[in-house]
Amino acid sequence: MVEIAPVDSTHPDARYCLSAYFAELDHRFETGFDPELSIPAGVAELRPPTGLMLLATLRGEPIGCGGLKFHADGPTEIKRMWVAKGA
């Protein structure tokens, strides 16, 4: 069964998923992908009260992630959404 739960954005499984997310983007784009040039969603921004990191696991293994970035004056952004190819 797949479980989805909030996790601290510095948790090793969250960091694994974020690393895989950036690696996949780097592979997909012809010129590569530099996270420093993207719209920011850093570790602190994906923690309450400014955001939230969600981790998907299958049998305890990380298979996906997604971040939420909250804005007091606007809609919440979905950030860093990734699912492993094998999932």
Protein backbone atom coordinates (compact mmCIF):
# COMPACT_ATOMS: atom_id res chain seq x y z
CA MET A 1 0.00 0.00 0.00
CA VAL A 2 1.06 3.54 -0.71
CA GLU A 3 1.06 5.86 2.26
CA ILE A 4 1.27 9.64 2.05
CA ALA A 5 2.23 11.62 5.13
CA PRO A 6 3.77 14.93 6.10
CA VAL A 7 7.50 14.78 6.81
CA ASP A 8 10.15 17.32 7.71
CA SER A 9 11.77 18.59 4.53
CA THR A 10 15.20 17.64 5.92
CA HIS A 11 14.25 14.00 6.54
CA PRO A 12 16.57 11.65 4.60
CA ASP A 13 13.66 10.20 2.58
CA ALA A 14 12.47 13.69 1.62
CA ARG A 15 16.00 14.65 0.61
CA TYR A 16 16.27 11.44 -1.46
CA CYS A 17 13.05 12.27 -3.31
CA LEU A 18 14.06 15.89 -3.90
CA SER A 19 17.41 14.76 -5.23
CA ALA A 20 15.70 12.32 -7.60
CA TYR A 21 13.29 15.07 -8.67
CA PHE A 22 16.12 17.44 -9.57
CA ALA A 23 18.04 14.65 -11.33
CA GLU A 24 15.00 13.80 -13.44
CA LEU A 25 14.49 17.44 -14.43
CA ASP A 26 18.18 17.75 -15.27
CA HIS A 27 17.87 14.70 -17.53
CA ARG A 28 14.63 15.86 -19.20
CA PHE A 29 15.73 19.37 -20.17
CA GLU A 30 18.08 19.64 -23.11
CA THR A 31 20.16 22.30 -21.34
CA GLY A 32 19.91 20.66 -17.90
CA PHE A 33 18.20 22.04 -14.83
CA ASP A 34 19.62 24.33 -12.17
CA PRO A 35 17.40 24.47 -9.06
CA GLU A 36 19.03 27.76 -8.08
CA LEU A 37 17.43 29.37 -11.15
CA SER A 38 13.93 28.03 -10.48
CA ILE A 39 11.17 29.60 -8.39
CA PRO A 40 12.36 29.05 -4.82
CA ALA A 41 10.94 26.39 -2.54
CA GLY A 42 13.73 25.79 -0.06
CA VAL A 43 13.80 23.51 2.95
CA ALA A 44 12.49 26.21 5.29
CA GLU A 45 9.68 27.16 2.91
CA LEU A 46 8.39 23.57 2.90
CA ARG A 47 7.94 23.46 6.69
CA PRO A 48 5.05 24.73 8.78
CA PRO A 49 3.94 27.44 9.03
CA THR A 50 5.16 28.50 5.57
CA GLY A 51 4.66 25.17 3.84
CA LEU A 52 4.50 21.41 4.04
CA MET A 53 6.40 18.45 2.56
CA LEU A 54 4.44 15.28 1.78
CA LEU A 55 6.20 11.96 1.28
CA ALA A 56 4.75 8.94 -0.50
CA THR A 57 6.07 5.53 0.53
CA LEU A 58 5.42 2.02 -0.70
CA ARG A 59 6.17 -0.70 1.85
CA GLY A 60 8.21 1.88 3.76
CA GLU A 61 10.34 2.92 0.77
CA PRO A 62 10.13 6.50 -0.57
CA ILE A 63 8.51 6.66 -4.01
CA GLY A 64 7.31 10.24 -4.30
CA CYS A 65 7.03 13.69 -2.82
CA GLY A 66 5.25 16.97 -3.13
CA GLY A 67 5.59 20.27 -1.40
CA LEU A 68 3.08 22.93 -0.53
CA LYS A 69 4.14 26.56 -0.23
CA PHE A 70 1.57 28.63 1.64
CA HIS A 71 0.87 32.30 0.87
CA ALA A 72 -1.18 34.48 3.22
CA ASP A 73 -2.32 36.71 0.37
CA GLY A 74 -2.79 34.13 -2.37
CA PRO A 75 -3.29 30.50 -3.31
CA THR A 76 -1.04 27.70 -2.12
CA GLU A 77 1.60 26.56 -4.62
CA ILE A 78 2.33 22.90 -5.37
CA LYS A 79 6.11 22.47 -5.51
CA ARG A 80 8.64 19.69 -6.06
CA MET A 81 6.10 17.05 -7.09
CA TRP A 82 7.77 13.80 -8.13
CA VAL A 83 6.90 10.09 -8.41
CA ALA A 84 9.46 7.35 -9.05
CA LYS A 85 9.28 5.69 -12.49
CA GLY A 86 8.84 2.27 -10.89
CA ALA A 87 5.77 3.43 -9.00
